[in-house]
Protein backbone atom coordinates (compact mmCIF):
# COMPACT_ATOMS: atom_id res chain seq x y z
CA UNK A 1 -102.46 1.65 36.73
CA UNK A 2 -102.19 -0.25 33.50
CA UNK A 3 -104.58 1.50 31.10
CA UNK A 4 -103.99 -0.33 27.79
CA UNK A 5 -102.70 -3.76 26.83
CA UNK A 6 -101.72 -5.02 23.40
CA UNK A 7 -100.77 -8.71 22.95
CA UNK A 8 -99.85 -10.19 19.56
CA UNK A 9 -98.80 -13.78 18.87
CA UNK A 10 -98.70 -15.02 22.47
CA UNK A 11 -100.04 -18.51 23.26
CA UNK A 12 -103.69 -18.75 22.12
CA UNK A 13 -103.96 -15.00 21.49
CA UNK A 14 -103.65 -13.96 17.85
CA UNK A 15 -103.97 -10.18 18.47
CA UNK A 16 -105.70 -8.44 21.36
CA UNK A 17 -105.82 -4.73 22.23
CA UNK A 18 -107.90 -3.64 25.24
CA UNK A 19 -108.36 -0.49 27.28
CA UNK A 20 -108.46 -1.15 31.02
CA UNK A 21 -110.40 0.75 33.69
CA UNK A 22 -109.97 0.79 37.51
CA UNK A 23 -111.84 -2.55 37.54
CA UNK A 24 -111.63 -4.81 34.48
CA UNK A 25 -113.02 -8.32 34.58
CA UNK A 26 -111.62 -10.99 32.32
CA UNK A 27 -114.11 -13.76 31.69
CA UNK A 28 -114.43 -16.61 29.23
CA UNK A 29 -114.46 -20.35 28.77
CA UNK A 30 -111.48 -22.53 29.68
CA UNK A 31 -108.45 -21.94 27.46
CA UNK A 32 -109.82 -18.65 26.14
CA UNK A 33 -106.61 -16.76 27.13
CA UNK A 34 -107.56 -15.06 30.41
CA UNK A 35 -104.42 -16.23 32.22
CA UNK A 36 -102.35 -15.45 29.15
CA UNK A 37 -103.39 -11.80 29.31
CA UNK A 38 -102.33 -11.62 32.97
CA UNK A 39 -99.06 -13.42 32.21
CA UNK A 40 -98.27 -10.96 29.37
CA UNK A 41 -98.77 -7.99 31.69
CA UNK A 42 -96.63 -9.59 34.37
CA UNK A 43 -93.94 -10.43 31.85
CA UNK A 44 -93.60 -6.80 30.64
CA UNK A 45 -93.57 -5.49 34.20
CA UNK A 46 -90.87 -8.07 35.05
CA UNK A 47 -88.74 -7.00 32.06
CA UNK A 48 -89.09 -3.33 33.08
CA UNK A 49 -88.27 -4.17 36.71
CA UNK A 50 -84.88 -5.47 35.60
CA UNK A 51 -84.03 -1.94 34.53
CA UNK A 52 -84.96 -0.45 37.90
CA UNK A 53 -88.35 1.01 37.06
CA UNK A 54 -90.45 -1.29 39.24
CA UNK A 55 -89.96 -2.58 42.82
CA UNK A 56 -88.58 -6.05 43.33
CA UNK A 57 -91.02 -8.90 43.06
CA UNK A 58 -91.29 -12.57 42.20
CA UNK A 59 -89.76 -13.55 38.84
CA UNK A 60 -91.74 -15.75 36.46
CA UNK A 61 -90.49 -18.26 33.90
CA UNK A 62 -92.60 -18.04 30.73
CA UNK A 63 -90.75 -20.75 28.85
CA UNK A 64 -88.96 -20.83 25.52
CA UNK A 65 -90.12 -18.76 22.58
CA UNK A 66 -91.27 -21.85 20.60
CA UNK A 67 -93.45 -22.93 23.55
CA UNK A 68 -95.28 -19.59 24.06
CA UNK A 69 -95.76 -18.26 20.52
CA UNK A 70 -99.15 -18.69 18.81
CA UNK A 71 -98.50 -21.94 16.94
CA UNK A 72 -101.95 -22.00 15.31
CA UNK A 73 -101.12 -18.94 13.28
CA UNK A 74 -97.46 -19.82 13.01
CA UNK A 75 -96.35 -16.47 14.46
CA UNK A 76 -92.67 -15.69 14.24
CA UNK A 77 -93.02 -12.77 16.63
CA UNK A 78 -94.51 -12.08 20.04
CA UNK A 79 -95.35 -8.53 20.89
CA UNK A 80 -96.54 -6.93 24.13
CA UNK A 81 -97.36 -3.26 24.78
CA UNK A 82 -98.57 -1.66 28.02
CA UNK A 83 -99.64 1.86 28.78
CA UNK A 84 -99.33 2.79 32.42
CA UNK A 85 -100.93 5.88 33.77
CA UNK A 86 -99.87 7.31 37.17
CA UNK A 87 -100.83 10.73 38.46
CA UNK A 88 -101.67 12.21 35.07
CA UNK A 89 -98.43 10.87 33.55
CA UNK A 90 -98.59 8.10 30.93
CA UNK A 91 -95.74 5.74 30.02
CA UNK A 92 -95.75 3.17 27.22
CA UNK A 93 -93.69 -0.03 27.36
CA UNK A 94 -93.05 -2.29 24.42
CA UNK A 95 -91.54 -5.75 24.33
CA UNK A 96 -90.99 -7.84 21.21
CA UNK A 97 -89.29 -11.21 20.61
CA UNK A 98 -88.99 -12.91 17.24
CA UNK A 99 -87.44 -15.94 15.60
CA UNK A 100 -84.24 -15.15 13.82
CA UNK A 101 -82.86 -17.99 11.74
CA UNK A 102 -82.60 -21.12 13.89
CA UNK A 103 -82.66 -19.35 17.28
CA UNK A 104 -84.55 -16.57 18.93
CA UNK A 105 -83.71 -12.99 19.42
């Protein structure tokens, strides 16, 4: 179970850190970032899956860095963190992408 999510600089989200329970409801007005939270979680899980830690699933295309960063704040970095708790064991996963010169890294 995902127990904590940190999102920084992704789409409309400036910075968000939230603890999750067995049932967590995301609610808000249109364009508040509900889908972006779900996409961020799926993205980190997809990246980890590529290294054999998660079962095969559907891949998602999240677009180019310049399209998904928080343009309002002018972020030059996107950061995701997930804590996953399974059977008393807790793992943390971190993913970060940032602009480097003219490209992305």
